């Protein structure tokens, strides 16, 4: 169903893609391209597209936000016009070979280091959690909040909320945390990261697993002001545009065999202290002199990396400056 939906939408969007380039050497191309993005990274990519289209008039990036499996599948589908994808993994050798067989060259780069945040309802007295307890919750060894330090029994059974059963967040926790062990029966999937946020903010017994870039003060998108756009284009300045929300509580997590727990803030992601982190990849099969190729160049540029820095996660291609007071 997702594959059919993506193909249909991409076909509609492609009506504005054809014949799209008035290109001169050193300039960005004009026209349109279609990108399929894992919903976990939606907030980041929306900001990248906003600044790109503001800077380069006549260039349009049409975005589809789906689960990670669908994003990769859409890039591999030769029948649609999706030429870019954003995911938490790079393409495999087999996938690259398949694309090259169909005369599509692949450019891919890790552009950010993202974190998986654990969120609970503000009424939950827990403020931090052990790595081992997270594993035991996901595998069903721990099923009640009073088993991990919540003295109040009114919280009841633990309900684990994921964004989607095909998302990069679900895959990361299954592969990198559980190491292939099966999930317990108290795991529930929603349709988007926003729904995870809403479910946890309304349910005292829930624990949500969500990409950290969603934990800004508002989940409703907003356009940047002219001053903020200018700041992102200025190589010597940076305006931080997001902060962690107060509508849910973000849990600090202690790494394996450690006592101290760390929040998924930018410094702890950069230092590697926060245990649940992974790469964010931008993958493109766009050819030179197209909007897709120009957008790939933009995201991997200094300005594109500053946008990632402002989102609360760590850019991969520029250094994070840590200031101690």
C-alpha atoms as a PDB file:
ATOM      1  CA  UNK A   1       0.000   0.000   0.000  1.00  0.00           C
ATOM      2  CA  UNK A   2       2.820   2.408   0.900  1.00  0.00           C
ATOM      3  CA  UNK A   3       4.642   1.550  -2.328  1.00  0.00           C
ATOM      4  CA  UNK A   4       1.542   2.268  -4.422  1.00  0.00           C
ATOM      5  CA  UNK A   5       0.938   5.527  -2.565  1.00  0.00           C
ATOM      6  CA  UNK A   6       4.512   6.737  -3.066  1.00  0.00           C
ATOM      7  CA  UNK A   7       4.462   5.812  -6.742  1.00  0.00           C
ATOM      8  CA  UNK A   8       1.178   7.663  -7.267  1.00  0.00           C
ATOM      9  CA  UNK A   9       2.302  10.800  -5.433  1.00  0.00           C
ATOM     10  CA  UNK A  10       5.702  10.786  -7.134  1.00  0.00           C
ATOM     11  CA  UNK A  11       4.021  10.498 -10.516  1.00  0.00           C
ATOM     12  CA  UNK A  12       1.825  13.512  -9.760  1.00  0.00           C
ATOM     13  CA  UNK A  13       4.768  15.539  -8.493  1.00  0.00           C
ATOM     14  CA  UNK A  14       6.806  14.539 -11.529  1.00  0.00           C
ATOM     15  CA  UNK A  15       4.530  16.646 -13.713  1.00  0.00           C
ATOM     16  CA  UNK A  16       6.460  19.631 -12.397  1.00  0.00           C
ATOM     17  CA  UNK A  17       9.858  17.952 -12.598  1.00  0.00           C
ATOM     18  CA  UNK A  18      10.309  17.441 -16.315  1.00  0.00           C
ATOM     19  CA  UNK A  19      12.342  19.896 -18.352  1.00  0.00           C
ATOM     20  CA  UNK A  20      13.622  21.570 -15.265  1.00  0.00           C
ATOM     21  CA  UNK A  21      17.103  22.971 -15.637  1.00  0.00           C
ATOM     22  CA  UNK A  22      18.518  26.303 -16.668  1.00  0.00           C
ATOM     23  CA  UNK A  23      22.060  25.596 -15.521  1.00  0.00           C
ATOM     24  CA  UNK A  24      25.293  27.531 -15.661  1.00  0.00           C
ATOM     25  CA  UNK A  25      28.605  26.392 -14.214  1.00  0.00           C
ATOM     26  CA  UNK A  26      28.857  27.332 -10.523  1.00  0.00           C
ATOM     27  CA  UNK A  27      25.109  27.915 -10.159  1.00  0.00           C
ATOM     28  CA  UNK A  28      22.362  25.857  -8.550  1.00  0.00           C
ATOM     29  CA  UNK A  29      19.878  24.256 -10.936  1.00  0.00           C
ATOM     30  CA  UNK A  30      16.297  25.416 -11.257  1.00  0.00           C
ATOM     31  CA  UNK A  31      13.283  23.115 -11.373  1.00  0.00           C
ATOM     32  CA  UNK A  32      12.012  20.341  -9.089  1.00  0.00           C
ATOM     33  CA  UNK A  33      13.007  17.049  -7.516  1.00  0.00           C
ATOM     34  CA  UNK A  34      11.285  14.490  -5.279  1.00  0.00           C
ATOM     35  CA  UNK A  35      12.757  13.173  -2.016  1.00  0.00           C
ATOM     36  CA  UNK A  36      11.442  10.354   0.217  1.00  0.00           C
ATOM     37  CA  UNK A  37      12.394  10.894   3.851  1.00  0.00           C
ATOM     38  CA  UNK A  38      12.117   8.726   6.936  1.00  0.00           C
ATOM     39  CA  UNK A  39       9.562  10.465   9.180  1.00  0.00           C
ATOM     40  CA  UNK A  40      12.065  10.420  12.043  1.00  0.00           C
ATOM     41  CA  UNK A  41      14.052  13.115  10.218  1.00  0.00           C
ATOM     42  CA  UNK A  42      11.082  15.173   8.990  1.00  0.00           C
ATOM     43  CA  UNK A  43      11.735  18.229  11.171  1.00  0.00           C
ATOM     44  CA  UNK A  44      15.350  18.421  10.029  1.00  0.00           C
ATOM     45  CA  UNK A  45      14.605  17.978   6.338  1.00  0.00           C
ATOM     46  CA  UNK A  46      11.785  20.540   6.379  1.00  0.00           C
ATOM     47  CA  UNK A  47      14.266  23.160   7.594  1.00  0.00           C
ATOM     48  CA  UNK A  48      16.848  22.146   4.974  1.00  0.00           C
ATOM     49  CA  UNK A  49      14.271  22.456   2.192  1.00  0.00           C
ATOM     50  CA  UNK A  50      12.965  25.772   3.531  1.00  0.00           C
ATOM     51  CA  UNK A  51      16.400  27.417   3.538  1.00  0.00           C
ATOM     52  CA  UNK A  52      17.414  25.841   0.208  1.00  0.00           C
ATOM     53  CA  UNK A  53      14.302  27.102  -1.571  1.00  0.00           C
ATOM     54  CA  UNK A  54      14.686  30.521   0.073  1.00  0.00           C
ATOM     55  CA  UNK A  55      18.289  30.813  -1.121  1.00  0.00           C
ATOM     56  CA  UNK A  56      17.759  29.424  -4.616  1.00  0.00           C
ATOM     57  CA  UNK A  57      14.602  30.797  -6.176  1.00  0.00           C
ATOM     58  CA  UNK A  58      13.146  28.539  -8.822  1.00  0.00           C
ATOM     59  CA  UNK A  59      14.457  25.375  -7.128  1.00  0.00           C
ATOM     60  CA  UNK A  60      11.794  23.178  -5.556  1.00  0.00           C
ATOM     61  CA  UNK A  61      12.205  20.037  -3.421  1.00  0.00           C
ATOM     62  CA  UNK A  62       8.972  18.051  -3.100  1.00  0.00           C
ATOM     63  CA  UNK A  63       9.050  15.895   0.021  1.00  0.00           C
ATOM     64  CA  UNK A  64       7.367  12.606   0.938  1.00  0.00           C
ATOM     65  CA  UNK A  65       7.530  11.578   4.622  1.00  0.00           C
ATOM     66  CA  UNK A  66       7.169   7.823   5.093  1.00  0.00           C
ATOM     67  CA  UNK A  67       8.701   5.008   7.138  1.00  0.00           C
ATOM     68  CA  UNK A  68      12.324   4.115   6.398  1.00  0.00           C
ATOM     69  CA  UNK A  69      11.534   0.908   4.504  1.00  0.00           C
ATOM     70  CA  UNK A  70       9.224   2.804   2.163  1.00  0.00           C
ATOM     71  CA  UNK A  71      11.789   5.573   1.634  1.00  0.00           C
ATOM     72  CA  UNK A  72      14.452   3.096   0.517  1.00  0.00           C
ATOM     73  CA  UNK A  73      11.987   1.080  -1.567  1.00  0.00           C
ATOM     74  CA  UNK A  74      10.843   4.206  -3.391  1.00  0.00           C
ATOM     75  CA  UNK A  75      14.431   5.035  -4.355  1.00  0.00           C
ATOM     76  CA  UNK A  76      14.880   1.527  -5.765  1.00  0.00           C
ATOM     77  CA  UNK A  77      11.601   1.613  -7.699  1.00  0.00           C
ATOM     78  CA  UNK A  78      12.410   2.412 -11.315  1.00  0.00           C
ATOM     79  CA  UNK A  79       8.771   3.240 -12.077  1.00  0.00           C
ATOM     80  CA  UNK A  80       8.564   6.432 -10.020  1.00  0.00           C
ATOM     81  CA  UNK A  81      10.495   9.715  -9.921  1.00  0.00           C
ATOM     82  CA  UNK A  82      11.956   9.578  -6.414  1.00  0.00           C
ATOM     83  CA  UNK A  83      15.678  10.257  -6.833  1.00  0.00           C
ATOM     84  CA  UNK A  84      16.648  11.025  -3.224  1.00  0.00           C
ATOM     85  CA  UNK A  85      16.091   9.421   0.178  1.00  0.00           C
ATOM     86  CA  UNK A  86      16.893  10.152   3.813  1.00  0.00           C
ATOM     87  CA  UNK A  87      17.385   7.176   6.132  1.00  0.00           C
ATOM     88  CA  UNK A  88      19.373   5.943   9.101  1.00  0.00           C
ATOM     89  CA  UNK A  89      21.409   3.565   6.946  1.00  0.00           C
ATOM     90  CA  UNK A  90      23.349   3.695   3.720  1.00  0.00           C
ATOM     91  CA  UNK A  91      22.493   1.539   0.729  1.00  0.00           C
ATOM     92  CA  UNK A  92      23.909  -1.977   0.681  1.00  0.00           C
ATOM     93  CA  UNK A  93      26.299  -3.210  -2.015  1.00  0.00           C
ATOM     94  CA  UNK A  94      23.439  -5.163  -3.559  1.00  0.00           C
ATOM     95  CA  UNK A  95      21.182  -2.099  -3.659  1.00  0.00           C
ATOM     96  CA  UNK A  96      23.910   0.037  -5.227  1.00  0.00           C
ATOM     97  CA  UNK A  97      24.573  -2.667  -7.821  1.00  0.00           C
ATOM     98  CA  UNK A  98      20.853  -2.795  -8.642  1.00  0.00           C
ATOM     99  CA  UNK A  99      20.707   0.967  -9.192  1.00  0.00           C
ATOM    100  CA  UNK A 100      23.856   0.952 -11.337  1.00  0.00           C
ATOM    101  CA  UNK A 101      22.378  -1.861 -13.401  1.00  0.00           C
ATOM    102  CA  UNK A 102      19.573   0.576 -14.197  1.00  0.00           C
ATOM    103  CA  UNK A 103      22.091   3.303 -15.044  1.00  0.00           C
ATOM    104  CA  UNK A 104      21.654   5.293 -11.841  1.00  0.00           C
ATOM    105  CA  UNK A 105      24.766   6.460 -10.045  1.00  0.00           C
ATOM    106  CA  UNK A 106      24.650   6.721  -6.265  1.00  0.00           C
ATOM    107  CA  UNK A 107      25.958   9.475  -3.994  1.00  0.00           C
ATOM    108  CA  UNK A 108      25.442   8.939  -0.284  1.00  0.00           C
ATOM    109  CA  UNK A 109      26.862  10.572   2.810  1.00  0.00           C
ATOM    110  CA  UNK A 110      26.327  10.489   6.551  1.00  0.00           C
ATOM    111  CA  UNK A 111      25.192  14.052   7.219  1.00  0.00           C
ATOM    112  CA  UNK A 112      24.251  13.895  10.916  1.00  0.00           C
ATOM    113  CA  UNK A 113      24.414  11.886  14.132  1.00  0.00           C
ATOM    114  CA  UNK A 114      20.921  11.447  15.532  1.00  0.00           C
ATOM    115  CA  UNK A 115      19.775  10.094  18.904  1.00  0.00           C
ATOM    116  CA  UNK A 116      16.827   7.969  19.976  1.00  0.00           C
ATOM    117  CA  UNK A 117      15.061   9.619  22.905  1.00  0.00           C
ATOM    118  CA  UNK A 118      12.943   7.901  25.540  1.00  0.00           C
ATOM    119  CA  UNK A 119       9.987  10.004  26.667  1.00  0.00           C
ATOM    120  CA  UNK A 120       7.404   9.526  29.425  1.00  0.00           C
ATOM    121  CA  UNK A 121       4.414  11.425  30.742  1.00  0.00           C
ATOM    122  CA  UNK A 122       5.297  14.312  33.102  1.00  0.00           C
ATOM    123  CA  UNK A 123       3.321  12.523  35.855  1.00  0.00           C
ATOM    124  CA  UNK A 124       5.830   9.664  35.796  1.00  0.00           C
ATOM    125  CA  UNK A 125       8.321  10.067  38.705  1.00  0.00           C
ATOM    126  CA  UNK A 126      11.117   8.316  36.779  1.00  0.00           C
ATOM    127  CA  UNK A 127      13.750  10.725  35.420  1.00  0.00           C
ATOM    128  CA  UNK A 128      16.472   8.283  34.361  1.00  0.00           C
ATOM    129  CA  UNK A 129      16.779   4.666  33.335  1.00  0.00           C
ATOM    130  CA  UNK A 130      19.497   2.008  32.941  1.00  0.00           C
ATOM    131  CA  UNK A 131      20.436   0.577  29.564  1.00  0.00           C
ATOM    132  CA  UNK A 132      19.723  -2.921  30.913  1.00  0.00           C
ATOM    133  CA  UNK A 133      16.256  -1.861  32.071  1.00  0.00           C
ATOM    134  CA  UNK A 134      15.464  -0.584  28.570  1.00  0.00           C
ATOM    135  CA  UNK A 135      16.379  -3.995  27.150  1.00  0.00           C
ATOM    136  CA  UNK A 136      14.279  -5.756  29.784  1.00  0.00           C
ATOM    137  CA  UNK A 137      11.269  -3.519  29.071  1.00  0.00           C
ATOM    138  CA  UNK A 138      11.478  -4.150  25.327  1.00  0.00           C
ATOM    139  CA  UNK A 139      11.807  -7.924  25.796  1.00  0.00           C
ATOM    140  CA  UNK A 140       9.067  -8.150  28.441  1.00  0.00           C
ATOM    141  CA  UNK A 141      11.167  -9.003  31.521  1.00  0.00           C
ATOM    142  CA  UNK A 142       9.981  -5.764  33.119  1.00  0.00           C
ATOM    143  CA  UNK A 143       6.292  -5.014  32.629  1.00  0.00           C
ATOM    144  CA  UNK A 144       5.331  -2.620  35.489  1.00  0.00           C
ATOM    145  CA  UNK A 145       6.662   0.788  36.449  1.00  0.00           C
ATOM    146  CA  UNK A 146       7.062  -0.165  40.111  1.00  0.00           C
ATOM    147  CA  UNK A 147       9.690  -2.711  39.012  1.00  0.00           C
ATOM    148  CA  UNK A 148      12.088   0.044  37.991  1.00  0.00           C
ATOM    149  CA  UNK A 149      11.774   2.495  40.859  1.00  0.00           C
ATOM    150  CA  UNK A 150       8.389   4.147  40.452  1.00  0.00           C
ATOM    151  CA  UNK A 151       6.986   3.771  43.975  1.00  0.00           C
ATOM    152  CA  UNK A 152       3.482   4.627  42.882  1.00  0.00           C
ATOM    153  CA  UNK A 153       1.575   1.599  41.621  1.00  0.00           C
ATOM    154  CA  UNK A 154      -1.021   3.819  39.936  1.00  0.00           C
ATOM    155  CA  UNK A 155       1.139   3.984  36.803  1.00  0.00           C
ATOM    156  CA  UNK A 156       0.391   0.306  36.215  1.00  0.00           C
ATOM    157  CA  UNK A 157       1.717  -1.677  33.275  1.00  0.00           C
ATOM    158  CA  UNK A 158       4.340  -0.245  30.937  1.00  0.00           C
ATOM    159  CA  UNK A 159       3.152   0.519  27.401  1.00  0.00           C
ATOM    160  CA  UNK A 160       5.955   1.028  24.848  1.00  0.00           C
ATOM    161  CA  UNK A 161       5.066   3.331  21.951  1.00  0.00           C
ATOM    162  CA  UNK A 162       6.974   3.330  18.645  1.00  0.00           C
ATOM    163  CA  UNK A 163       6.302   5.539  15.634  1.00  0.00           C
ATOM    164  CA  UNK A 164       5.894   2.792  13.015  1.00  0.00           C
ATOM    165  CA  UNK A 165       6.776  -0.880  12.711  1.00  0.00           C
ATOM    166  CA  UNK A 166       8.815  -0.117   9.570  1.00  0.00           C
ATOM    167  CA  UNK A 167      10.619   2.925  10.916  1.00  0.00           C
ATOM    168  CA  UNK A 168      14.348   3.412  11.448  1.00  0.00           C
ATOM    169  CA  UNK A 169      13.689   3.886  15.165  1.00  0.00           C
ATOM    170  CA  UNK A 170      12.093   0.438  15.450  1.00  0.00           C
ATOM    171  CA  UNK A 171      14.886  -1.136  13.398  1.00  0.00           C
ATOM    172  CA  UNK A 172      17.591   0.504  15.522  1.00  0.00           C
ATOM    173  CA  UNK A 173      16.141  -0.725  18.817  1.00  0.00           C
ATOM    174  CA  UNK A 174      15.629  -4.240  17.384  1.00  0.00           C
ATOM    175  CA  UNK A 175      19.052  -4.598  15.762  1.00  0.00           C
ATOM    176  CA  UNK A 176      21.402  -2.454  17.855  1.00  0.00           C
ATOM    177  CA  UNK A 177      19.829  -2.688  21.324  1.00  0.00           C
ATOM    178  CA  UNK A 178      18.008  -6.038  21.429  1.00  0.00           C
ATOM    179  CA  UNK A 179      20.526  -7.678  19.067  1.00  0.00           C
ATOM    180  CA  UNK A 180      17.795  -9.641  17.326  1.00  0.00           C
ATOM    181  CA  UNK A 181      15.813 -10.642  20.430  1.00  0.00           C
ATOM    182  CA  UNK A 182      12.036 -10.442  19.888  1.00  0.00           C
ATOM    183  CA  UNK A 183       9.972  -7.541  21.158  1.00  0.00           C
ATOM    184  CA  UNK A 184       7.534  -8.152  24.005  1.00  0.00           C
ATOM    185  CA  UNK A 185       3.764  -8.009  23.633  1.00  0.00           C
ATOM    186  CA  UNK A 186       3.420  -4.570  25.222  1.00  0.00           C
ATOM    187  CA  UNK A 187       4.833  -2.795  22.147  1.00  0.00           C
ATOM    188  CA  UNK A 188       2.487  -0.522  20.198  1.00  0.00           C
ATOM    189  CA  UNK A 189       3.100   1.174  16.844  1.00  0.00           C
ATOM    190  CA  UNK A 190       1.575   4.471  15.809  1.00  0.00           C
ATOM    191  CA  UNK A 191       1.586   6.040  12.347  1.00  0.00           C
ATOM    192  CA  UNK A 192       4.055   8.890  12.905  1.00  0.00           C
ATOM    193  CA  UNK A 193       6.451  10.403  15.482  1.00  0.00           C
ATOM    194  CA  UNK A 194       3.875  13.105  16.218  1.00  0.00           C
ATOM    195  CA  UNK A 195       1.385  10.424  17.288  1.00  0.00           C
ATOM    196  CA  UNK A 196       3.976   8.934  19.675  1.00  0.00           C
ATOM    197  CA  UNK A 197       4.352  12.337  21.267  1.00  0.00           C
ATOM    198  CA  UNK A 198       0.578  12.775  21.572  1.00  0.00           C
ATOM    199  CA  UNK A 199       0.079   9.281  23.026  1.00  0.00           C
ATOM    200  CA  UNK A 200       2.748   9.706  25.698  1.00  0.00           C
ATOM    201  CA  UNK A 201       1.574  13.188  26.686  1.00  0.00           C
ATOM    202  CA  UNK A 202      -1.905  11.707  27.271  1.00  0.00           C
ATOM    203  CA  UNK A 203      -0.951   8.355  28.878  1.00  0.00           C
ATOM    204  CA  UNK A 204       0.701   8.147  32.312  1.00  0.00           C
ATOM    205  CA  UNK A 205       1.894   4.571  31.791  1.00  0.00           C
ATOM    206  CA  UNK A 206       3.456   5.049  28.340  1.00  0.00           C
ATOM    207  CA  UNK A 207       7.098   5.280  27.327  1.00  0.00           C
ATOM    208  CA  UNK A 208       7.721   6.608  23.829  1.00  0.00           C
ATOM    209  CA  UNK A 209      10.712   5.933  21.600  1.00  0.00           C
ATOM    210  CA  UNK A 210      11.290   8.785  19.183  1.00  0.00           C
ATOM    211  CA  UNK A 211      13.970  10.677  17.249  1.00  0.00           C
ATOM    212  CA  UNK A 212      15.432  13.473  19.354  1.00  0.00           C
ATOM    213  CA  UNK A 213      14.836  16.145  16.706  1.00  0.00           C
ATOM    214  CA  UNK A 214      11.100  15.868  17.450  1.00  0.00           C
ATOM    215  CA  UNK A 215      11.653  17.121  20.993  1.00  0.00           C
ATOM    216  CA  UNK A 216      11.527  20.797  20.210  1.00  0.00           C
ATOM    217  CA  UNK A 217       9.134  23.159  21.976  1.00  0.00           C
ATOM    218  CA  UNK A 218       6.474  22.737  19.297  1.00  0.00           C
ATOM    219  CA  UNK A 219       5.670  19.924  16.906  1.00  0.00           C
ATOM    220  CA  UNK A 220       3.907  22.211  14.481  1.00  0.00           C
ATOM    221  CA  UNK A 221       6.167  23.403  11.686  1.00  0.00           C
ATOM    222  CA  UNK A 222       6.963  27.084  11.433  1.00  0.00           C
ATOM    223  CA  UNK A 223       8.759  29.127   8.832  1.00  0.00           C
ATOM    224  CA  UNK A 224      12.015  30.757   9.811  1.00  0.00           C
ATOM    225  CA  UNK A 225      12.162  34.506  10.077  1.00  0.00           C
ATOM    226  CA  UNK A 226      14.347  36.550   7.740  1.00  0.00           C
ATOM    227  CA  UNK A 227      16.742  37.116  10.638  1.00  0.00           C
ATOM    228  CA  UNK A 228      17.037  33.354  11.296  1.00  0.00           C
ATOM    229  CA  UNK A 229      17.573  32.632   7.605  1.00  0.00           C
ATOM    230  CA  UNK A 230      20.302  35.255   7.469  1.00  0.00           C
ATOM    231  CA  UNK A 231      21.918  33.739  10.564  1.00  0.00           C
ATOM    232  CA  UNK A 232      22.053  30.279   9.000  1.00  0.00           C
ATOM    233  CA  UNK A 233      23.647  31.719   5.864  1.00  0.00           C
ATOM    234  CA  UNK A 234      26.250  33.608   7.914  1.00  0.00           C
ATOM    235  CA  UNK A 235      29.292  31.376   8.369  1.00  0.00           C
ATOM    236  CA  UNK A 236      30.243  33.127  11.635  1.00  0.00           C
ATOM    237  CA  UNK A 237      26.960  32.936  13.527  1.00  0.00           C
ATOM    238  CA  UNK A 238      24.407  30.417  14.674  1.00  0.00           C
ATOM    239  CA  UNK A 239      20.890  30.778  16.019  1.00  0.00           C
ATOM    240  CA  UNK A 240      19.616  27.703  17.863  1.00  0.00           C
ATOM    241  CA  UNK A 241      16.036  27.279  16.690  1.00  0.00           C
ATOM    242  CA  UNK A 242      14.802  24.459  18.874  1.00  0.00           C
ATOM    243  CA  UNK A 243      14.729  23.328  22.473  1.00  0.00           C
ATOM    244  CA  UNK A 244      13.423  20.246  24.212  1.00  0.00           C
ATOM    245  CA  UNK A 245       9.696  20.253  24.807  1.00  0.00           C
ATOM    246  CA  UNK A 246       8.172  20.339  28.295  1.00  0.00           C
ATOM    247  CA  UNK A 247       4.983  18.509  27.232  1.00  0.00           C
ATOM    248  CA  UNK A 248       6.693  15.182  27.934  1.00  0.00           C
ATOM    249  CA  UNK A 249       9.604  14.175  30.142  1.00  0.00           C
ATOM    250  CA  UNK A 250      12.830  13.092  28.441  1.00  0.00           C
ATOM    251  CA  UNK A 251      14.622  10.316  30.299  1.00  0.00           C
ATOM    252  CA  UNK A 252      18.354  10.297  30.915  1.00  0.00           C
ATOM    253  CA  UNK A 253      19.919   6.911  30.075  1.00  0.00           C
ATOM    254  CA  UNK A 254      22.964   5.336  31.687  1.00  0.00           C
ATOM    255  CA  UNK A 255      25.173   3.403  29.235  1.00  0.00           C
ATOM    256  CA  UNK A 256      26.066  -0.256  29.767  1.00  0.00           C
ATOM    257  CA  UNK A 257      27.879  -0.911  33.070  1.00  0.00           C
ATOM    258  CA  UNK A 258      27.832   2.784  34.041  1.00  0.00           C
ATOM    259  CA  UNK A 259      26.088   4.577  36.883  1.00  0.00           C
ATOM    260  CA  UNK A 260      25.788   8.089  35.495  1.00  0.00           C
ATOM    261  CA  UNK A 261      22.852   8.747  33.189  1.00  0.00           C
ATOM    262  CA  UNK A 262      22.944  11.175  30.253  1.00  0.00           C
ATOM    263  CA  UNK A 263      20.259  13.154  28.457  1.00  0.00           C
ATOM    264  CA  UNK A 264      20.207  13.106  24.636  1.00  0.00           C
ATOM    265  CA  UNK A 265      21.440  16.669  24.306  1.00  0.00           C
ATOM    266  CA  UNK A 266      23.883  17.817  21.664  1.00  0.00           C
ATOM    267  CA  UNK A 267      27.016  17.545  23.791  1.00  0.00           C
ATOM    268  CA  UNK A 268      26.234  14.020  25.004  1.00  0.00           C
ATOM    269  CA  UNK A 269      25.480  12.909  21.437  1.00  0.00           C
ATOM    270  CA  UNK A 270      28.733  14.479  20.222  1.00  0.00           C
ATOM    271  CA  UNK A 271      30.797  12.940  23.046  1.00  0.00           C
ATOM    272  CA  UNK A 272      29.145   9.533  22.607  1.00  0.00           C
ATOM    273  CA  UNK A 273      28.008   9.483  26.245  1.00  0.00           C
ATOM    274  CA  UNK A 274      24.353   9.020  25.337  1.00  0.00           C
ATOM    275  CA  UNK A 275      24.086   5.367  24.293  1.00  0.00           C
ATOM    276  CA  UNK A 276      21.283   5.407  21.715  1.00  0.00           C
ATOM    277  CA  UNK A 277      22.699   7.211  18.681  1.00  0.00           C
ATOM    278  CA  UNK A 278      22.923   6.450  14.974  1.00  0.00           C
ATOM    279  CA  UNK A 279      23.797   8.062  11.628  1.00  0.00           C
ATOM    280  CA  UNK A 280      21.496   9.991   9.310  1.00  0.00           C
ATOM    281  CA  UNK A 281      22.224   9.436   5.599  1.00  0.00           C
ATOM    282  CA  UNK A 282      21.319  11.467   2.541  1.00  0.00           C
ATOM    283  CA  UNK A 283      21.211   9.267  -0.573  1.00  0.00           C
ATOM    284  CA  UNK A 284      20.906  10.612  -4.097  1.00  0.00           C
ATOM    285  CA  UNK A 285      20.694   9.122  -7.574  1.00  0.00           C
ATOM    286  CA  UNK A 286      20.338  12.568  -9.157  1.00  0.00           C
ATOM    287  CA  UNK A 287      22.625  13.420 -12.040  1.00  0.00           C
ATOM    288  CA  UNK A 288      24.703  16.640 -12.197  1.00  0.00           C
ATOM    289  CA  UNK A 289      22.996  19.855 -13.318  1.00  0.00           C
ATOM    290  CA  UNK A 290      19.702  18.907 -11.610  1.00  0.00           C
ATOM    291  CA  UNK A 291      17.926  20.228  -8.534  1.00  0.00           C
ATOM    292  CA  UNK A 292      18.489  16.911  -6.745  1.00  0.00           C
ATOM    293  CA  UNK A 293      22.239  17.172  -7.197  1.00  0.00           C
ATOM    294  CA  UNK A 294      22.145  20.816  -6.087  1.00  0.00           C
ATOM    295  CA  UNK A 295      20.170  19.927  -2.946  1.00  0.00           C
ATOM    296  CA  UNK A 296      22.609  17.125  -2.094  1.00  0.00           C
ATOM    297  CA  UNK A 297      25.466  19.627  -2.419  1.00  0.00           C
ATOM    298  CA  UNK A 298      23.586  22.114  -0.238  1.00  0.00           C
ATOM    299  CA  UNK A 299      22.867  19.703   2.644  1.00  0.00           C
ATOM    300  CA  UNK A 300      26.502  18.595   2.735  1.00  0.00           C
ATOM    301  CA  UNK A 301      27.727  22.207   2.620  1.00  0.00           C
ATOM    302  CA  UNK A 302      28.578  24.398   5.618  1.00  0.00           C
ATOM    303  CA  UNK A 303      25.164  26.088   5.572  1.00  0.00           C
ATOM    304  CA  UNK A 304      23.300  22.782   5.317  1.00  0.00           C
ATOM    305  CA  UNK A 305      25.316  21.396   8.209  1.00  0.00           C
ATOM    306  CA  UNK A 306      24.547  24.474  10.327  1.00  0.00           C
ATOM    307  CA  UNK A 307      20.848  23.806   9.843  1.00  0.00           C
ATOM    308  CA  UNK A 308      21.376  20.316  11.281  1.00  0.00           C
ATOM    309  CA  UNK A 309      23.347  21.821  14.160  1.00  0.00           C
ATOM    310  CA  UNK A 310      20.442  24.162  14.919  1.00  0.00           C
ATOM    311  CA  UNK A 311      17.978  21.233  15.053  1.00  0.00           C
ATOM    312  CA  UNK A 312      19.477  19.796  18.237  1.00  0.00           C
ATOM    313  CA  UNK A 313      21.385  16.844  16.765  1.00  0.00           C
ATOM    314  CA  UNK A 314      25.003  16.742  15.600  1.00  0.00           C
ATOM    315  CA  UNK A 315      26.152  17.525  12.063  1.00  0.00           C
ATOM    316  CA  UNK A 316      28.507  14.942  10.642  1.00  0.00           C
ATOM    317  CA  UNK A 317      30.634  17.096   8.370  1.00  0.00           C
ATOM    318  CA  UNK A 318      31.439  20.128  10.547  1.00  0.00           C
ATOM    319  CA  UNK A 319      32.767  20.247  14.092  1.00  0.00           C
ATOM    320  CA  UNK A 320      30.552  20.983  17.088  1.00  0.00           C
ATOM    321  CA  UNK A 321      31.883  23.773  19.300  1.00  0.00           C
ATOM    322  CA  UNK A 322      31.426  22.953  23.000  1.00  0.00           C
ATOM    323  CA  UNK A 323      31.690  25.940  25.357  1.00  0.00           C
ATOM    324  CA  UNK A 324      32.150  25.215  29.060  1.00  0.00           C
ATOM    325  CA  UNK A 325      31.076  27.891  31.553  1.00  0.00           C
END
